[in-house]
N, C-alpha and C. Protein backbone atom coordinates (compact mmCIF):
# COMPACT_ATOMS: atom_id res chain seq x y z
N MET A 1 -3.75 -25.91 0.32
CA MET A 1 -3.70 -24.52 0.15
C MET A 1 -2.87 -23.87 1.31
N ASP A 2 -2.73 -24.58 2.36
CA ASP A 2 -1.92 -23.90 3.46
C ASP A 2 -0.48 -23.70 3.09
N GLN A 3 0.15 -24.61 2.34
CA GLN A 3 1.48 -24.52 1.81
C GLN A 3 1.54 -23.32 0.89
N GLU A 4 0.61 -23.16 0.02
CA GLU A 4 0.51 -22.01 -0.93
C GLU A 4 0.34 -20.78 -0.23
N LEU A 5 -0.41 -20.69 0.82
CA LEU A 5 -0.61 -19.46 1.61
C LEU A 5 0.77 -19.09 2.26
N GLU A 6 1.30 -20.07 2.90
CA GLU A 6 2.63 -19.80 3.67
C GLU A 6 3.63 -19.36 2.70
N GLN A 7 3.73 -19.90 1.43
CA GLN A 7 4.79 -19.50 0.52
C GLN A 7 4.47 -18.07 0.01
N LEU A 8 3.20 -17.67 -0.11
CA LEU A 8 2.83 -16.37 -0.49
C LEU A 8 3.13 -15.36 0.63
N VAL A 9 2.84 -15.69 1.78
CA VAL A 9 3.21 -14.79 2.92
C VAL A 9 4.65 -14.62 3.03
N GLN A 10 5.48 -15.62 2.88
CA GLN A 10 6.87 -15.51 2.92
C GLN A 10 7.44 -14.61 1.80
N ALA A 11 6.86 -14.76 0.60
CA ALA A 11 7.24 -13.85 -0.48
C ALA A 11 6.90 -12.41 -0.25
N ILE A 12 5.80 -12.20 0.35
CA ILE A 12 5.37 -10.81 0.74
C ILE A 12 6.31 -10.23 1.73
N LEU A 13 6.71 -10.91 2.76
CA LEU A 13 7.60 -10.50 3.79
C LEU A 13 8.97 -10.26 3.22
N ILE A 14 9.42 -11.09 2.30
CA ILE A 14 10.74 -10.85 1.73
C ILE A 14 10.72 -9.58 0.80
N ALA A 15 9.64 -9.46 0.10
CA ALA A 15 9.45 -8.31 -0.83
C ALA A 15 9.37 -7.00 -0.05
N ALA A 16 8.91 -7.03 1.19
CA ALA A 16 8.77 -5.87 2.00
C ALA A 16 10.10 -5.45 2.65
N ASP A 17 11.09 -6.33 2.56
CA ASP A 17 12.38 -6.05 3.10
C ASP A 17 13.45 -5.94 2.02
N PRO A 18 13.72 -4.73 1.57
CA PRO A 18 14.75 -4.53 0.47
C PRO A 18 16.08 -5.01 0.81
N THR A 19 16.37 -5.25 2.06
CA THR A 19 17.78 -5.75 2.46
C THR A 19 17.92 -7.20 2.25
N SER A 20 16.87 -7.89 1.77
CA SER A 20 16.97 -9.34 1.58
C SER A 20 17.71 -9.78 0.32
N GLY A 21 18.35 -8.86 -0.37
CA GLY A 21 19.24 -9.06 -1.52
C GLY A 21 18.51 -9.69 -2.75
N ASN A 22 19.06 -10.78 -3.22
CA ASN A 22 18.59 -11.37 -4.47
C ASN A 22 17.19 -11.91 -4.24
N LEU A 23 16.88 -12.39 -3.02
CA LEU A 23 15.55 -12.93 -2.76
C LEU A 23 14.48 -11.85 -2.91
N HIS A 24 14.81 -10.65 -2.62
CA HIS A 24 13.94 -9.51 -2.76
C HIS A 24 13.40 -9.43 -4.16
N GLN A 25 14.21 -9.45 -5.21
CA GLN A 25 13.85 -9.36 -6.58
C GLN A 25 12.93 -10.48 -6.94
N GLN A 26 13.43 -11.69 -6.57
CA GLN A 26 12.60 -12.98 -6.90
C GLN A 26 11.25 -12.86 -6.29
N ALA A 27 11.15 -12.37 -5.06
CA ALA A 27 9.82 -12.26 -4.36
C ALA A 27 8.96 -11.24 -5.12
N LEU A 28 9.52 -10.09 -5.52
CA LEU A 28 8.72 -9.18 -6.29
C LEU A 28 8.23 -9.76 -7.54
N GLU A 29 9.03 -10.48 -8.28
CA GLU A 29 8.59 -11.13 -9.45
C GLU A 29 7.46 -12.17 -9.28
N TYR A 30 7.59 -12.94 -8.21
CA TYR A 30 6.57 -13.93 -7.83
C TYR A 30 5.27 -13.15 -7.49
N LEU A 31 5.36 -12.17 -6.68
CA LEU A 31 4.14 -11.44 -6.37
C LEU A 31 3.52 -10.79 -7.58
N SER A 32 4.27 -10.27 -8.50
CA SER A 32 3.74 -9.72 -9.72
C SER A 32 2.96 -10.73 -10.55
N THR A 33 3.47 -11.96 -10.55
CA THR A 33 2.83 -13.04 -11.31
C THR A 33 1.48 -13.48 -10.55
N VAL A 34 1.58 -13.46 -9.24
CA VAL A 34 0.36 -13.79 -8.52
C VAL A 34 -0.76 -12.75 -8.72
N GLN A 35 -0.30 -11.46 -8.79
CA GLN A 35 -1.30 -10.42 -9.04
C GLN A 35 -1.91 -10.44 -10.42
N GLN A 36 -0.95 -10.71 -11.42
CA GLN A 36 -1.38 -10.72 -12.81
C GLN A 36 -2.33 -11.88 -13.08
N ASN A 37 -2.20 -12.99 -12.31
CA ASN A 37 -3.05 -14.12 -12.53
C ASN A 37 -4.17 -14.16 -11.41
N ALA A 38 -4.71 -13.07 -11.19
CA ALA A 38 -5.79 -12.90 -10.15
C ALA A 38 -6.94 -13.76 -10.41
N ALA A 39 -7.23 -14.04 -11.70
CA ALA A 39 -8.38 -14.94 -11.99
C ALA A 39 -8.14 -16.29 -11.37
N ASN A 40 -6.95 -16.68 -11.19
CA ASN A 40 -6.58 -18.05 -10.61
C ASN A 40 -6.12 -18.01 -9.15
N THR A 41 -5.76 -16.85 -8.67
CA THR A 41 -5.12 -16.72 -7.33
C THR A 41 -6.08 -16.02 -6.36
N TRP A 42 -7.23 -15.65 -6.78
CA TRP A 42 -8.10 -14.79 -5.89
C TRP A 42 -8.52 -15.64 -4.71
N ARG A 43 -8.65 -16.93 -4.78
CA ARG A 43 -9.17 -17.75 -3.67
C ARG A 43 -8.04 -17.68 -2.59
N VAL A 44 -6.83 -17.89 -2.95
CA VAL A 44 -5.75 -17.80 -1.98
C VAL A 44 -5.60 -16.45 -1.34
N ALA A 45 -5.83 -15.39 -2.14
CA ALA A 45 -5.83 -14.01 -1.60
C ALA A 45 -6.94 -13.77 -0.63
N LEU A 46 -8.09 -14.35 -0.98
CA LEU A 46 -9.33 -14.25 0.01
C LEU A 46 -9.00 -14.90 1.27
N SER A 47 -8.46 -16.04 1.28
CA SER A 47 -8.09 -16.71 2.51
C SER A 47 -7.05 -15.91 3.30
N LEU A 48 -6.03 -15.45 2.58
CA LEU A 48 -5.07 -14.64 3.20
C LEU A 48 -5.67 -13.40 3.88
N PHE A 49 -6.63 -12.86 3.28
CA PHE A 49 -7.24 -11.68 3.88
C PHE A 49 -8.16 -11.93 5.06
N VAL A 50 -8.98 -13.05 5.07
CA VAL A 50 -9.97 -13.23 6.06
C VAL A 50 -9.66 -14.18 7.13
N ASP A 51 -8.59 -15.12 6.92
CA ASP A 51 -8.43 -16.12 7.95
C ASP A 51 -7.96 -15.58 9.32
N ARG A 52 -8.53 -16.26 10.32
CA ARG A 52 -8.27 -15.82 11.66
C ARG A 52 -7.77 -17.05 12.53
N ASN A 53 -7.06 -16.64 13.59
CA ASN A 53 -6.58 -17.59 14.50
C ASN A 53 -7.72 -18.03 15.42
N PRO A 54 -7.59 -19.22 16.16
CA PRO A 54 -8.69 -19.66 16.97
C PRO A 54 -9.11 -18.54 17.99
N ASP A 55 -8.24 -17.66 18.47
CA ASP A 55 -8.59 -16.60 19.38
C ASP A 55 -9.29 -15.40 18.68
N GLY A 56 -9.50 -15.47 17.36
CA GLY A 56 -10.13 -14.45 16.68
C GLY A 56 -9.24 -13.37 16.11
N SER A 57 -7.96 -13.39 16.39
CA SER A 57 -6.96 -12.45 15.86
C SER A 57 -6.72 -12.85 14.37
N ARG A 58 -6.21 -11.80 13.66
CA ARG A 58 -5.88 -12.05 12.26
C ARG A 58 -4.75 -13.04 12.24
N LYS A 59 -4.82 -13.93 11.26
CA LYS A 59 -3.84 -15.01 11.09
C LYS A 59 -2.51 -14.43 10.45
N TYR A 60 -2.70 -13.54 9.43
CA TYR A 60 -1.56 -13.09 8.65
C TYR A 60 -1.28 -11.62 8.96
N PRO A 61 -0.07 -11.22 8.77
CA PRO A 61 0.42 -9.77 8.99
C PRO A 61 -0.31 -8.84 8.03
N THR A 62 -0.33 -7.62 8.48
CA THR A 62 -1.09 -6.59 7.80
C THR A 62 -0.47 -6.33 6.38
N THR A 63 0.81 -6.42 6.21
CA THR A 63 1.39 -6.35 4.89
C THR A 63 0.82 -7.39 3.92
N ALA A 64 0.71 -8.65 4.40
CA ALA A 64 0.19 -9.73 3.61
C ALA A 64 -1.24 -9.45 3.26
N ARG A 65 -2.02 -9.00 4.24
CA ARG A 65 -3.38 -8.77 4.00
C ARG A 65 -3.67 -7.67 2.98
N PHE A 66 -2.81 -6.66 3.05
CA PHE A 66 -2.87 -5.55 2.12
C PHE A 66 -2.59 -6.03 0.67
N PHE A 67 -1.56 -6.91 0.58
CA PHE A 67 -1.29 -7.47 -0.72
C PHE A 67 -2.56 -8.23 -1.29
N ALA A 68 -3.11 -9.06 -0.37
CA ALA A 68 -4.30 -9.82 -0.78
C ALA A 68 -5.39 -8.98 -1.27
N LEU A 69 -5.65 -7.76 -0.72
CA LEU A 69 -6.63 -6.87 -1.22
C LEU A 69 -6.31 -6.34 -2.66
N ARG A 70 -5.06 -6.19 -2.87
CA ARG A 70 -4.61 -5.80 -4.24
C ARG A 70 -4.98 -6.90 -5.22
N VAL A 71 -4.76 -8.15 -4.90
CA VAL A 71 -5.05 -9.22 -5.80
C VAL A 71 -6.58 -9.28 -5.98
N LEU A 72 -7.33 -9.09 -4.84
CA LEU A 72 -8.74 -9.19 -4.99
C LEU A 72 -9.34 -8.05 -5.81
N ASP A 73 -8.72 -6.87 -5.63
CA ASP A 73 -9.12 -5.73 -6.47
C ASP A 73 -8.87 -5.96 -7.93
N GLU A 74 -7.78 -6.58 -8.22
CA GLU A 74 -7.40 -6.97 -9.62
C GLU A 74 -8.40 -7.87 -10.20
N PHE A 75 -8.73 -8.92 -9.39
CA PHE A 75 -9.76 -9.93 -9.85
C PHE A 75 -11.13 -9.21 -10.11
N LEU A 76 -11.53 -8.46 -9.18
CA LEU A 76 -12.84 -7.86 -9.31
C LEU A 76 -12.87 -6.83 -10.46
N ASP A 77 -11.83 -6.05 -10.65
CA ASP A 77 -11.79 -5.18 -11.77
C ASP A 77 -11.84 -5.88 -13.09
N ASN A 78 -11.14 -6.99 -13.22
CA ASN A 78 -11.18 -7.76 -14.49
C ASN A 78 -12.50 -8.43 -14.64
N ARG A 79 -13.03 -8.93 -13.57
CA ARG A 79 -14.35 -9.61 -13.67
C ARG A 79 -15.45 -8.61 -14.08
N TYR A 80 -15.38 -7.41 -13.57
CA TYR A 80 -16.34 -6.46 -13.96
C TYR A 80 -16.21 -6.00 -15.43
N VAL A 81 -15.02 -5.81 -15.91
CA VAL A 81 -14.81 -5.55 -17.25
C VAL A 81 -15.37 -6.65 -18.19
N PHE A 82 -15.07 -7.91 -17.89
CA PHE A 82 -15.53 -8.97 -18.69
C PHE A 82 -17.04 -9.05 -18.64
N SER A 83 -17.61 -8.89 -17.51
CA SER A 83 -19.13 -8.97 -17.40
C SER A 83 -19.79 -7.81 -18.09
N TYR A 84 -19.15 -6.64 -18.03
CA TYR A 84 -19.73 -5.44 -18.63
C TYR A 84 -19.70 -5.52 -20.14
N SER A 85 -18.58 -6.04 -20.74
CA SER A 85 -18.43 -6.10 -22.13
C SER A 85 -19.12 -7.24 -22.79
N ALA A 86 -19.66 -8.15 -22.06
CA ALA A 86 -20.29 -9.22 -22.62
C ALA A 86 -21.73 -9.00 -23.02
């Protein structure tokens, strides 16, 4: 999962920098896919949001943690809708 987390963080950082050219669009598309598949990606997003360094500081940048919250929000919204309609 560490490699998946690092790949996600790199995509988030590239997407946050519009000067990264062609990679910027690819990163945005990747992040859109991650968010749309929140039912499968929520665990990675949770780790991204809560992981800490040994000294207690946050392991990932604020931008990455904010994106993780968006994925978790998507997951919880969909889960609630499915639970409520069942």
